[in-house]
Amino acid sequence: MSTINFAAREINCKIVYYGPGMSGKTTNLKHVFSRVPGHLRGDMVSLATEDERTLFFDFLPLDLGTVQGFKTRFHLYTVPGQVFYNASRKLILRGVDGIVFVADSAPDRLRANAESMRNLRENLAEHGIDVKEVPIVLQINKRDLPNALPADMIRSVIDPRKELLMFEAMSDKGTGVFETLKTVSRLVLERLSKTK
């Protein structure tokens, strides 16, 4: 859940990029980091062990407004893609305000997408978070693959009830990256405005 820094008059919000390994979570973060002016963002931190890596940084967006006179600072995190790093995934989800689920368009990754979404729901439940209570945006990435599955097919496996806002993306080119981030940020702020 968001935290308030009264001295700086800032609300800190945590957005986690979740999804299967190699789906483009890190590529999303690196693109955002490269486009946010240096004076509005912190350093990118990479927590790496022998087998896994987690990236995060924070930034202060200028165009998303304030919540009751407080500026908003967003902290963006990625989770390790492989399910066997579930302890790390669970830890990173603690205190989450919004999620970008990054799905892979490759045909051989459809099952990994489904397993990762199931894993996300389980981990949220372990934190006592109802999946319907946290803003989640679906980003279907790697749309430029020559054999990319239709977006509707991927969505039918991950979000069969079509409850999530969805964006198609090519994160390595920056396409759809900021649209996804702005949407999840807006949903987080709307939710904060209702609860504060």
N, C-alpha and C. Protein backbone atom coordinates (compact mmCIF):
# COMPACT_ATOMS: atom_id res chain seq x y z
N MET A 1 0.84 -1.18 0.00
CA MET A 1 0.00 0.00 0.00
C MET A 1 0.88 1.24 0.00
N SER A 2 0.39 2.31 -0.57
CA SER A 2 1.18 3.53 -0.69
C SER A 2 1.58 4.06 0.68
N THR A 3 2.71 4.78 0.69
CA THR A 3 3.17 5.41 1.92
C THR A 3 3.22 6.91 1.70
N ILE A 4 3.05 7.66 2.78
CA ILE A 4 3.03 9.12 2.68
C ILE A 4 4.25 9.68 3.38
N ASN A 5 4.98 10.55 2.68
CA ASN A 5 6.10 11.28 3.25
C ASN A 5 5.60 12.70 3.48
N PHE A 6 5.22 13.02 4.72
CA PHE A 6 4.63 14.33 5.01
C PHE A 6 5.65 15.45 4.86
N ALA A 7 6.91 15.19 5.19
CA ALA A 7 7.95 16.22 5.08
C ALA A 7 8.13 16.66 3.64
N ALA A 8 8.17 15.70 2.72
CA ALA A 8 8.35 16.02 1.30
C ALA A 8 7.02 16.25 0.58
N ARG A 9 5.90 16.04 1.31
CA ARG A 9 4.56 16.13 0.73
C ARG A 9 4.45 15.26 -0.52
N GLU A 10 4.84 13.99 -0.33
CA GLU A 10 4.79 13.02 -1.42
C GLU A 10 4.06 11.76 -0.98
N ILE A 11 3.35 11.18 -1.92
CA ILE A 11 2.78 9.86 -1.75
C ILE A 11 3.61 8.92 -2.61
N ASN A 12 4.13 7.87 -1.99
CA ASN A 12 4.96 6.90 -2.71
C ASN A 12 4.11 5.69 -3.07
N CYS A 13 4.10 5.37 -4.36
CA CYS A 13 3.30 4.26 -4.87
C CYS A 13 4.22 3.23 -5.52
N LYS A 14 3.87 1.97 -5.35
CA LYS A 14 4.68 0.86 -5.86
C LYS A 14 3.96 0.16 -7.01
N ILE A 15 4.63 0.13 -8.15
CA ILE A 15 4.10 -0.57 -9.32
C ILE A 15 5.07 -1.71 -9.65
N VAL A 16 4.51 -2.90 -9.79
CA VAL A 16 5.32 -4.08 -10.06
C VAL A 16 5.01 -4.61 -11.45
N TYR A 17 6.07 -4.87 -12.22
CA TYR A 17 5.96 -5.50 -13.54
C TYR A 17 6.11 -7.00 -13.32
N TYR A 18 5.07 -7.73 -13.67
CA TYR A 18 4.98 -9.16 -13.39
C TYR A 18 4.78 -9.89 -14.71
N GLY A 19 5.23 -11.12 -14.80
CA GLY A 19 5.02 -11.91 -16.00
C GLY A 19 6.08 -12.99 -16.13
N PRO A 20 5.96 -13.80 -17.17
CA PRO A 20 6.91 -14.90 -17.34
C PRO A 20 8.31 -14.39 -17.70
N GLY A 21 9.30 -15.27 -17.57
CA GLY A 21 10.67 -14.93 -17.91
C GLY A 21 10.79 -14.48 -19.37
N MET A 22 11.59 -13.48 -19.59
CA MET A 22 11.92 -12.97 -20.93
C MET A 22 10.73 -12.35 -21.66
N SER A 23 9.70 -11.94 -20.92
CA SER A 23 8.53 -11.35 -21.60
C SER A 23 8.71 -9.87 -21.90
N GLY A 24 9.69 -9.23 -21.25
CA GLY A 24 9.96 -7.82 -21.53
C GLY A 24 9.77 -6.89 -20.34
N LYS A 25 9.69 -7.44 -19.14
CA LYS A 25 9.52 -6.62 -17.94
C LYS A 25 10.70 -5.67 -17.76
N THR A 26 11.90 -6.21 -17.81
CA THR A 26 13.11 -5.39 -17.65
C THR A 26 13.24 -4.38 -18.78
N THR A 27 12.89 -4.79 -19.99
CA THR A 27 12.97 -3.89 -21.15
C THR A 27 12.03 -2.70 -20.95
N ASN A 28 10.84 -2.95 -20.40
CA ASN A 28 9.92 -1.86 -20.08
C ASN A 28 10.57 -0.87 -19.13
N LEU A 29 11.11 -1.38 -18.03
CA LEU A 29 11.71 -0.50 -17.03
C LEU A 29 12.88 0.29 -17.59
N LYS A 30 13.72 -0.38 -18.36
CA LYS A 30 14.88 0.32 -18.93
C LYS A 30 14.44 1.43 -19.89
N HIS A 31 13.38 1.19 -20.64
CA HIS A 31 12.89 2.23 -21.55
C HIS A 31 12.36 3.43 -20.77
N VAL A 32 11.56 3.18 -19.74
CA VAL A 32 11.03 4.27 -18.92
C VAL A 32 12.18 5.04 -18.29
N PHE A 33 13.13 4.32 -17.72
CA PHE A 33 14.27 4.94 -17.06
C PHE A 33 15.04 5.84 -18.03
N SER A 34 15.21 5.39 -19.26
CA SER A 34 15.99 6.16 -20.24
C SER A 34 15.28 7.43 -20.69
N ARG A 35 13.97 7.48 -20.52
CA ARG A 35 13.19 8.63 -21.00
C ARG A 35 12.83 9.64 -19.91
N VAL A 36 12.92 9.24 -18.64
CA VAL A 36 12.59 10.16 -17.55
C VAL A 36 13.82 11.03 -17.27
N PRO A 37 13.65 12.36 -17.26
CA PRO A 37 14.79 13.24 -16.98
C PRO A 37 15.47 12.89 -15.66
N GLY A 38 16.78 12.99 -15.64
CA GLY A 38 17.58 12.59 -14.48
C GLY A 38 17.17 13.24 -13.18
N HIS A 39 16.74 14.51 -13.23
CA HIS A 39 16.38 15.21 -11.99
C HIS A 39 15.03 14.75 -11.43
N LEU A 40 14.29 13.94 -12.19
CA LEU A 40 12.99 13.47 -11.73
C LEU A 40 13.01 12.00 -11.31
N ARG A 41 14.16 11.35 -11.39
CA ARG A 41 14.22 9.93 -11.07
C ARG A 41 15.42 9.62 -10.20
N GLY A 42 15.31 8.50 -9.49
CA GLY A 42 16.44 8.00 -8.71
C GLY A 42 17.29 7.10 -9.59
N ASP A 43 18.28 6.50 -8.99
CA ASP A 43 19.14 5.56 -9.71
C ASP A 43 18.40 4.25 -9.95
N MET A 44 18.75 3.58 -11.05
CA MET A 44 18.23 2.24 -11.24
C MET A 44 19.09 1.30 -10.41
N VAL A 45 18.43 0.50 -9.62
CA VAL A 45 19.13 -0.44 -8.76
C VAL A 45 18.85 -1.85 -9.27
N SER A 46 19.90 -2.63 -9.36
CA SER A 46 19.75 -4.02 -9.77
C SER A 46 20.21 -4.90 -8.62
N LEU A 47 19.27 -5.67 -8.09
CA LEU A 47 19.61 -6.63 -7.04
C LEU A 47 19.82 -7.97 -7.73
N ALA A 48 21.04 -8.36 -7.84
CA ALA A 48 21.33 -9.59 -8.58
C ALA A 48 21.95 -10.63 -7.67
N THR A 49 21.45 -11.83 -7.79
CA THR A 49 22.09 -12.96 -7.14
C THR A 49 22.73 -13.77 -8.27
N GLU A 50 23.21 -14.92 -7.94
CA GLU A 50 23.84 -15.77 -8.95
C GLU A 50 22.87 -16.13 -10.07
N ASP A 51 21.59 -16.28 -9.72
CA ASP A 51 20.62 -16.80 -10.68
C ASP A 51 19.50 -15.85 -11.08
N GLU A 52 19.29 -14.78 -10.35
CA GLU A 52 18.14 -13.93 -10.64
C GLU A 52 18.50 -12.46 -10.52
N ARG A 53 17.60 -11.63 -11.06
CA ARG A 53 17.84 -10.19 -11.00
C ARG A 53 16.52 -9.47 -10.82
N THR A 54 16.53 -8.46 -9.98
CA THR A 54 15.38 -7.59 -9.78
C THR A 54 15.85 -6.16 -10.00
N LEU A 55 15.11 -5.42 -10.80
CA LEU A 55 15.43 -4.02 -11.04
C LEU A 55 14.39 -3.14 -10.39
N PHE A 56 14.81 -1.96 -9.93
CA PHE A 56 13.83 -0.98 -9.50
C PHE A 56 14.43 0.42 -9.52
N PHE A 57 13.56 1.40 -9.67
CA PHE A 57 13.92 2.81 -9.53
C PHE A 57 12.65 3.59 -9.24
N ASP A 58 12.80 4.83 -8.81
CA ASP A 58 11.65 5.66 -8.54
C ASP A 58 11.71 6.91 -9.41
N PHE A 59 10.54 7.50 -9.66
CA PHE A 59 10.51 8.75 -10.41
C PHE A 59 9.29 9.56 -10.01
N LEU A 60 9.37 10.84 -10.30
CA LEU A 60 8.33 11.80 -9.97
C LEU A 60 7.72 12.29 -11.27
N PRO A 61 6.56 11.78 -11.66
CA PRO A 61 5.97 12.23 -12.93
C PRO A 61 5.39 13.63 -12.80
N LEU A 62 5.53 14.42 -13.85
CA LEU A 62 5.03 15.78 -13.80
C LEU A 62 3.60 15.91 -14.29
N ASP A 63 3.14 14.94 -15.08
CA ASP A 63 1.86 15.12 -15.77
C ASP A 63 0.71 14.33 -15.17
N LEU A 64 0.90 13.73 -14.00
CA LEU A 64 -0.18 12.93 -13.42
C LEU A 64 -0.92 13.65 -12.30
N GLY A 65 -0.51 14.85 -11.98
CA GLY A 65 -1.22 15.62 -10.97
C GLY A 65 -0.87 15.22 -9.55
N THR A 66 -1.70 15.71 -8.63
CA THR A 66 -1.45 15.47 -7.21
C THR A 66 -2.67 14.79 -6.59
N VAL A 67 -2.49 14.27 -5.40
CA VAL A 67 -3.59 13.70 -4.62
C VAL A 67 -3.67 14.51 -3.33
N GLN A 68 -4.74 15.29 -3.21
CA GLN A 68 -4.95 16.16 -2.05
C GLN A 68 -3.71 16.99 -1.72
N GLY A 69 -3.11 17.57 -2.74
CA GLY A 69 -1.96 18.46 -2.57
C GLY A 69 -0.62 17.76 -2.43
N PHE A 70 -0.59 16.45 -2.48
CA PHE A 70 0.66 15.70 -2.39
C PHE A 70 1.12 15.29 -3.79
N LYS A 71 2.41 15.46 -4.05
CA LYS A 71 2.99 14.94 -5.29
C LYS A 71 3.03 13.41 -5.19
N THR A 72 3.08 12.76 -6.32
CA THR A 72 3.16 11.30 -6.31
C THR A 72 4.51 10.87 -6.86
N ARG A 73 5.12 9.95 -6.16
CA ARG A 73 6.37 9.36 -6.62
C ARG A 73 6.11 7.88 -6.83
N PHE A 74 6.46 7.40 -8.01
CA PHE A 74 6.23 5.99 -8.34
C PHE A 74 7.53 5.21 -8.25
N HIS A 75 7.45 4.05 -7.63
CA HIS A 75 8.57 3.13 -7.51
C HIS A 75 8.24 1.94 -8.39
N LEU A 76 9.05 1.72 -9.43
CA LEU A 76 8.80 0.65 -10.38
C LEU A 76 9.72 -0.53 -10.09
N TYR A 77 9.16 -1.72 -10.06
CA TYR A 77 9.91 -2.95 -9.77
C TYR A 77 9.62 -4.00 -10.84
N THR A 78 10.60 -4.85 -11.10
CA THR A 78 10.35 -6.06 -11.87
C THR A 78 10.49 -7.25 -10.93
N VAL A 79 9.84 -8.35 -11.30
CA VAL A 79 10.04 -9.59 -10.55
C VAL A 79 10.85 -10.54 -11.42
N PRO A 80 11.57 -11.48 -10.81
CA PRO A 80 12.23 -12.52 -11.62
C PRO A 80 11.15 -13.30 -12.36
N GLY A 81 11.41 -13.61 -13.61
CA GLY A 81 10.39 -14.25 -14.44
C GLY A 81 10.14 -15.71 -14.11
N GLN A 82 11.14 -16.44 -13.71
CA GLN A 82 10.98 -17.87 -13.51
C GLN A 82 10.22 -18.14 -12.21
N VAL A 83 9.27 -19.06 -12.28
CA VAL A 83 8.40 -19.35 -11.14
C VAL A 83 9.19 -19.91 -9.95
N PHE A 84 10.35 -20.54 -10.21
CA PHE A 84 11.08 -21.09 -9.07
C PHE A 84 11.71 -20.02 -8.19
N TYR A 85 11.59 -18.74 -8.58
CA TYR A 85 12.00 -17.64 -7.70
C TYR A 85 10.79 -17.06 -6.98
N ASN A 86 9.84 -17.91 -6.64
CA ASN A 86 8.57 -17.44 -6.10
C ASN A 86 8.73 -16.67 -4.80
N ALA A 87 9.68 -17.02 -3.97
CA ALA A 87 9.87 -16.29 -2.71
C ALA A 87 10.20 -14.82 -3.00
N SER A 88 11.05 -14.58 -3.99
CA SER A 88 11.39 -13.20 -4.38
C SER A 88 10.17 -12.49 -4.94
N ARG A 89 9.42 -13.19 -5.79
CA ARG A 89 8.22 -12.58 -6.37
C ARG A 89 7.25 -12.14 -5.27
N LYS A 90 7.05 -13.03 -4.29
CA LYS A 90 6.13 -12.73 -3.19
C LYS A 90 6.60 -11.50 -2.41
N LEU A 91 7.89 -11.46 -2.12
CA LEU A 91 8.46 -10.35 -1.36
C LEU A 91 8.29 -9.03 -2.11
N ILE A 92 8.54 -9.04 -3.41
CA ILE A 92 8.43 -7.81 -4.20
C ILE A 92 6.99 -7.32 -4.27
N LEU A 93 6.02 -8.23 -4.22
CA LEU A 93 4.61 -7.84 -4.26
C LEU A 93 4.11 -7.20 -2.97
N ARG A 94 4.86 -7.34 -1.89
CA ARG A 94 4.42 -6.77 -0.62
C ARG A 94 4.25 -5.25 -0.76
N GLY A 95 3.09 -4.75 -0.40
CA GLY A 95 2.83 -3.31 -0.46
C GLY A 95 2.55 -2.79 -1.86
N VAL A 96 2.23 -3.65 -2.81
CA VAL A 96 2.02 -3.23 -4.19
C VAL A 96 0.76 -2.36 -4.31
N ASP A 97 0.84 -1.34 -5.17
CA ASP A 97 -0.30 -0.47 -5.45
C ASP A 97 -0.88 -0.71 -6.83
N GLY A 98 -0.06 -1.18 -7.76
CA GLY A 98 -0.50 -1.43 -9.12
C GLY A 98 0.42 -2.42 -9.80
N ILE A 99 -0.13 -3.15 -10.78
CA ILE A 99 0.65 -4.19 -11.46
C ILE A 99 0.50 -4.06 -12.97
N VAL A 100 1.63 -4.21 -13.66
CA VAL A 100 1.61 -4.37 -15.11
C VAL A 100 1.96 -5.83 -15.36
N PHE A 101 1.03 -6.56 -15.93
CA PHE A 101 1.31 -7.95 -16.29
C PHE A 101 1.79 -7.96 -17.73
N VAL A 102 3.05 -8.35 -17.92
CA VAL A 102 3.67 -8.35 -19.26
C VAL A 102 3.60 -9.77 -19.81
N ALA A 103 2.79 -9.95 -20.86
CA ALA A 103 2.64 -11.25 -21.50
C ALA A 103 3.48 -11.31 -22.77
N ASP A 104 3.96 -12.49 -23.08
CA ASP A 104 4.79 -12.73 -24.26
C ASP A 104 3.92 -13.21 -25.41
N SER A 105 4.12 -12.66 -26.61
CA SER A 105 3.29 -13.01 -27.77
C SER A 105 3.73 -14.28 -28.48
N ALA A 106 4.88 -14.84 -28.11
CA ALA A 106 5.37 -16.03 -28.81
C ALA A 106 4.45 -17.23 -28.55
N PRO A 107 4.18 -18.04 -29.58
CA PRO A 107 3.28 -19.19 -29.41
C PRO A 107 3.73 -20.16 -28.32
N ASP A 108 5.04 -20.36 -28.18
CA ASP A 108 5.51 -21.32 -27.18
C ASP A 108 5.52 -20.75 -25.77
N ARG A 109 5.05 -19.51 -25.59
CA ARG A 109 5.02 -18.89 -24.26
C ARG A 109 3.61 -18.73 -23.70
N LEU A 110 2.62 -19.26 -24.42
CA LEU A 110 1.23 -19.11 -23.98
C LEU A 110 1.01 -19.75 -22.61
N ARG A 111 1.54 -20.95 -22.45
CA ARG A 111 1.39 -21.66 -21.16
C ARG A 111 2.13 -20.91 -20.04
N ALA A 112 3.32 -20.39 -20.35
CA ALA A 112 4.08 -19.63 -19.34
C ALA A 112 3.31 -18.38 -18.91
N ASN A 113 2.64 -17.73 -19.88
CA ASN A 113 1.80 -16.57 -19.54
C ASN A 113 0.71 -16.97 -18.55
N ALA A 114 0.03 -18.07 -18.84
CA ALA A 114 -1.08 -18.53 -17.99
C ALA A 114 -0.57 -18.91 -16.60
N GLU A 115 0.56 -19.62 -16.55
CA GLU A 115 1.13 -20.02 -15.26
C GLU A 115 1.55 -18.81 -14.43
N SER A 116 2.10 -17.81 -15.09
CA SER A 116 2.54 -16.61 -14.38
C SER A 116 1.35 -15.84 -13.81
N MET A 117 0.26 -15.76 -14.57
CA MET A 117 -0.94 -15.07 -14.06
C MET A 117 -1.53 -15.85 -12.87
N ARG A 118 -1.55 -17.16 -12.97
CA ARG A 118 -2.04 -17.97 -11.85
C ARG A 118 -1.17 -17.74 -10.62
N ASN A 119 0.14 -17.70 -10.83
CA ASN A 119 1.10 -17.46 -9.76
C ASN A 119 0.88 -16.08 -9.13
N LEU A 120 0.61 -15.07 -9.96
CA LEU A 120 0.35 -13.72 -9.45
C LEU A 120 -0.88 -13.73 -8.54
N ARG A 121 -1.95 -14.37 -8.98
CA ARG A 121 -3.19 -14.43 -8.19
C ARG A 121 -2.93 -15.13 -6.85
N GLU A 122 -2.18 -16.23 -6.88
CA GLU A 122 -1.86 -16.96 -5.65
C GLU A 122 -1.04 -16.10 -4.69
N ASN A 123 -0.04 -15.41 -5.23
CA ASN A 123 0.82 -14.59 -4.37
C ASN A 123 0.07 -13.40 -3.78
N LEU A 124 -0.82 -12.80 -4.56
CA LEU A 124 -1.63 -11.70 -4.02
C LEU A 124 -2.52 -12.23 -2.90
N ALA A 125 -3.11 -13.40 -3.11
CA ALA A 125 -3.98 -13.99 -2.09
C ALA A 125 -3.20 -14.26 -0.80
N GLU A 126 -1.94 -14.68 -0.93
CA GLU A 126 -1.12 -14.92 0.27
C GLU A 126 -0.85 -13.65 1.05
N HIS A 127 -0.87 -12.50 0.35
CA HIS A 127 -0.71 -11.21 1.01
C HIS A 127 -2.06 -10.66 1.49
N GLY A 128 -3.12 -11.43 1.26
CA GLY A 128 -4.46 -10.99 1.66
C GLY A 128 -5.03 -9.94 0.72
N ILE A 129 -4.55 -9.89 -0.51
CA ILE A 129 -5.02 -8.91 -1.48
C ILE A 129 -5.94 -9.61 -2.49
N ASP A 130 -7.14 -9.08 -2.61
CA ASP A 130 -8.07 -9.58 -3.62
C ASP A 130 -7.60 -9.03 -4.97
N VAL A 131 -7.49 -9.90 -5.95
CA VAL A 131 -6.98 -9.49 -7.26
C VAL A 131 -7.83 -8.37 -7.87
N LYS A 132 -9.09 -8.27 -7.47
CA LYS A 132 -9.97 -7.22 -7.99
C LYS A 132 -9.74 -5.88 -7.30
N GLU A 133 -8.97 -5.88 -6.22
CA GLU A 133 -8.75 -4.65 -5.45
C GLU A 133 -7.50 -3.89 -5.88
N VAL A 134 -6.64 -4.52 -6.65
CA VAL A 134 -5.40 -3.86 -7.06
C VAL A 134 -5.47 -3.61 -8.57
N PRO A 135 -5.15 -2.38 -8.99
CA PRO A 135 -5.17 -2.10 -10.43
C PRO A 135 -4.14 -2.96 -11.16
N ILE A 136 -4.60 -3.68 -12.18
CA ILE A 136 -3.72 -4.49 -13.02
C ILE A 136 -3.98 -4.13 -14.47
N VAL A 137 -2.92 -3.86 -15.20
CA VAL A 137 -3.02 -3.58 -16.64
C VAL A 137 -2.27 -4.69 -17.36
N LEU A 138 -2.89 -5.20 -18.41
CA LEU A 138 -2.29 -6.26 -19.22
C LEU A 138 -1.56 -5.65 -20.41
N GLN A 139 -0.28 -5.96 -20.51
CA GLN A 139 0.50 -5.53 -21.67
C GLN A 139 0.90 -6.78 -22.45
N ILE A 140 0.44 -6.88 -23.69
CA ILE A 140 0.83 -8.00 -24.54
C ILE A 140 2.00 -7.51 -25.37
N ASN A 141 3.16 -8.03 -25.05
CA ASN A 141 4.43 -7.54 -25.58
C ASN A 141 4.91 -8.40 -26.76
N LYS A 142 5.92 -7.89 -27.43
CA LYS A 142 6.57 -8.56 -28.57
C LYS A 142 5.60 -8.76 -29.73
N ARG A 143 4.79 -7.73 -29.99
CA ARG A 143 3.81 -7.81 -31.06
C ARG A 143 4.44 -7.85 -32.45
N ASP A 144 5.73 -7.55 -32.53
CA ASP A 144 6.41 -7.56 -33.84
C ASP A 144 7.01 -8.92 -34.18
N LEU A 145 6.83 -9.91 -33.32
CA LEU A 145 7.32 -11.25 -33.67
C LEU A 145 6.60 -11.74 -34.93
N PRO A 146 7.32 -12.37 -35.86
CA PRO A 146 6.66 -12.82 -37.09
C PRO A 146 5.57 -13.86 -36.84
N ASN A 147 5.70 -14.62 -35.77
CA ASN A 147 4.70 -15.65 -35.47
C ASN A 147 3.88 -15.31 -34.22
N ALA A 148 3.75 -14.01 -33.93
CA ALA A 148 3.01 -13.57 -32.73
C ALA A 148 1.58 -14.08 -32.76
N LEU A 149 1.16 -14.63 -31.64
CA LEU A 149 -0.23 -15.07 -31.51
C LEU A 149 -1.15 -13.86 -31.53
N PRO A 150 -2.39 -14.01 -31.98
CA PRO A 150 -3.33 -12.89 -31.91
C PRO A 150 -3.51 -12.44 -30.46
N ALA A 151 -3.59 -11.14 -30.26
CA ALA A 151 -3.72 -10.59 -28.91
C ALA A 151 -4.96 -11.14 -28.20
N ASP A 152 -6.05 -11.32 -28.94
CA ASP A 152 -7.28 -11.84 -28.32
C ASP A 152 -7.10 -13.26 -27.80
N MET A 153 -6.28 -14.05 -28.49
CA MET A 153 -6.03 -15.42 -28.04
C MET A 153 -5.25 -15.42 -26.72
N ILE A 154 -4.24 -14.56 -26.66
CA ILE A 154 -3.43 -14.46 -25.44
C ILE A 154 -4.31 -13.96 -24.29
N ARG A 155 -5.11 -12.96 -24.58
CA ARG A 155 -5.99 -12.41 -23.55
C ARG A 155 -6.98 -13.45 -23.05
N SER A 156 -7.51 -14.29 -23.96
CA SER A 156 -8.51 -15.28 -23.55
C SER A 156 -7.94 -16.28 -22.55
N VAL A 157 -6.62 -16.48 -22.57
CA VAL A 157 -5.97 -17.39 -21.63
C VAL A 157 -5.67 -16.68 -20.30
N ILE A 158 -5.26 -15.41 -20.38
CA ILE A 158 -4.84 -14.66 -19.19
C ILE A 158 -6.00 -13.94 -18.50
N ASP A 159 -6.88 -13.38 -19.31
CA ASP A 159 -7.96 -12.53 -18.81
C ASP A 159 -9.26 -12.86 -19.56
N PRO A 160 -9.77 -14.09 -19.36
CA PRO A 160 -10.92 -14.55 -20.16
C PRO A 160 -12.18 -13.68 -20.00
N ARG A 161 -12.33 -13.01 -18.85
CA ARG A 161 -13.52 -12.18 -18.64
C ARG A 161 -13.32 -10.75 -19.17
N LYS A 162 -12.14 -10.48 -19.71
CA LYS A 162 -11.81 -9.15 -20.25
C LYS A 162 -12.03 -8.05 -19.22
N GLU A 163 -11.50 -8.29 -18.02
CA GLU A 163 -11.64 -7.33 -16.93
C GLU A 163 -10.51 -6.31 -16.91
N LEU A 164 -9.37 -6.65 -17.52
CA LEU A 164 -8.20 -5.78 -17.46
C LEU A 164 -8.11 -4.88 -18.68
N LEU A 165 -7.62 -3.67 -18.48
CA LEU A 165 -7.29 -2.83 -19.63
C LEU A 165 -6.08 -3.45 -20.30
N MET A 166 -6.06 -3.45 -21.63
CA MET A 166 -5.00 -4.16 -22.36
C MET A 166 -4.31 -3.22 -23.35
N PHE A 167 -3.00 -3.39 -23.45
CA PHE A 167 -2.21 -2.65 -24.43
C PHE A 167 -1.32 -3.63 -25.17
N GLU A 168 -1.16 -3.40 -26.46
CA GLU A 168 -0.19 -4.16 -27.24
C GLU A 168 1.10 -3.35 -27.24
N ALA A 169 2.24 -4.05 -27.20
CA ALA A 169 3.50 -3.33 -27.05
C ALA A 169 4.65 -4.03 -27.78
N MET A 170 5.66 -3.24 -28.03
CA MET A 170 6.98 -3.72 -28.47
C MET A 170 7.97 -2.95 -27.60
N SER A 171 8.20 -3.48 -26.40
CA SER A 171 8.95 -2.72 -25.40
C SER A 171 10.38 -2.42 -25.84
N ASP A 172 10.97 -3.27 -26.69
CA ASP A 172 12.33 -2.99 -27.14
C ASP A 172 12.39 -1.76 -28.04
N LYS A 173 11.24 -1.37 -28.61
CA LYS A 173 11.16 -0.16 -29.44
C LYS A 173 10.47 0.98 -28.69
N GLY A 174 9.96 0.69 -27.51
CA GLY A 174 9.27 1.71 -26.72
C GLY A 174 7.78 1.82 -27.03
N THR A 175 7.28 1.05 -27.98
CA THR A 175 5.88 1.12 -28.36
C THR A 175 4.99 0.54 -27.26
N GLY A 176 4.04 1.34 -26.80
CA GLY A 176 3.10 0.87 -25.79
C GLY A 176 3.60 0.92 -24.36
N VAL A 177 4.87 1.28 -24.17
CA VAL A 177 5.45 1.26 -22.82
C VAL A 177 4.85 2.35 -21.94
N PHE A 178 4.87 3.60 -22.41
CA PHE A 178 4.36 4.69 -21.59
C PHE A 178 2.84 4.68 -21.51
N GLU A 179 2.17 4.21 -22.55
CA GLU A 179 0.72 4.11 -22.50
C GLU A 179 0.30 3.17 -21.37
N THR A 180 1.01 2.04 -21.27
CA THR A 180 0.73 1.08 -20.21
C THR A 180 1.00 1.69 -18.84
N LEU A 181 2.16 2.31 -18.68
CA LEU A 181 2.55 2.89 -17.39
C LEU A 181 1.60 4.01 -16.98
N LYS A 182 1.24 4.88 -17.91
CA LYS A 182 0.34 5.99 -17.57
C LYS A 182 -1.02 5.46 -17.13
N THR A 183 -1.48 4.40 -17.77
CA THR A 183 -2.78 3.84 -17.42
C THR A 183 -2.76 3.23 -16.03
N VAL A 184 -1.77 2.41 -15.73
CA VAL A 184 -1.72 1.81 -14.39
C VAL A 184 -1.51 2.88 -13.33
N SER A 185 -0.71 3.91 -13.64
CA SER A 185 -0.50 5.01 -12.69
C SER A 185 -1.80 5.76 -12.43
N ARG A 186 -2.55 6.02 -13.48
CA ARG A 186 -3.83 6.72 -13.33
C ARG A 186 -4.80 5.90 -12.48
N LEU A 187 -4.84 4.59 -12.72
CA LEU A 187 -5.73 3.72 -11.93
C LEU A 187 -5.32 3.71 -10.45
N VAL A 188 -4.01 3.71 -10.20
CA VAL A 188 -3.52 3.75 -8.82
C VAL A 188 -3.94 5.05 -8.15
N LEU A 189 -3.77 6.17 -8.86
CA LEU A 189 -4.13 7.47 -8.29
C LEU A 189 -5.63 7.59 -8.06
N GLU A 190 -6.43 7.05 -8.97
CA GLU A 190 -7.89 7.06 -8.79
C GLU A 190 -8.26 6.28 -7.54
N ARG A 191 -7.63 5.15 -7.35
CA ARG A 191 -7.91 4.33 -6.17
C ARG A 191 -7.47 5.05 -4.89
N LEU A 192 -6.31 5.73 -4.94
CA LEU A 192 -5.83 6.50 -3.78
C LEU A 192 -6.78 7.62 -3.43
N SER A 193 -7.27 8.32 -4.46
CA SER A 193 -8.17 9.45 -4.23
C SER A 193 -9.44 9.01 -3.52
N LYS A 194 -9.88 7.79 -3.79
CA LYS A 194 -11.10 7.27 -3.15
C LYS A 194 -10.86 6.85 -1.71
N THR A 195 -9.60 6.44 -1.40
CA THR A 195 -9.34 5.91 -0.05
C THR A 195 -8.75 6.94 0.90
N LYS A 196 -8.20 8.01 0.38
CA LYS A 196 -7.55 9.00 1.27
C LYS A 196 -8.56 9.96 1.85
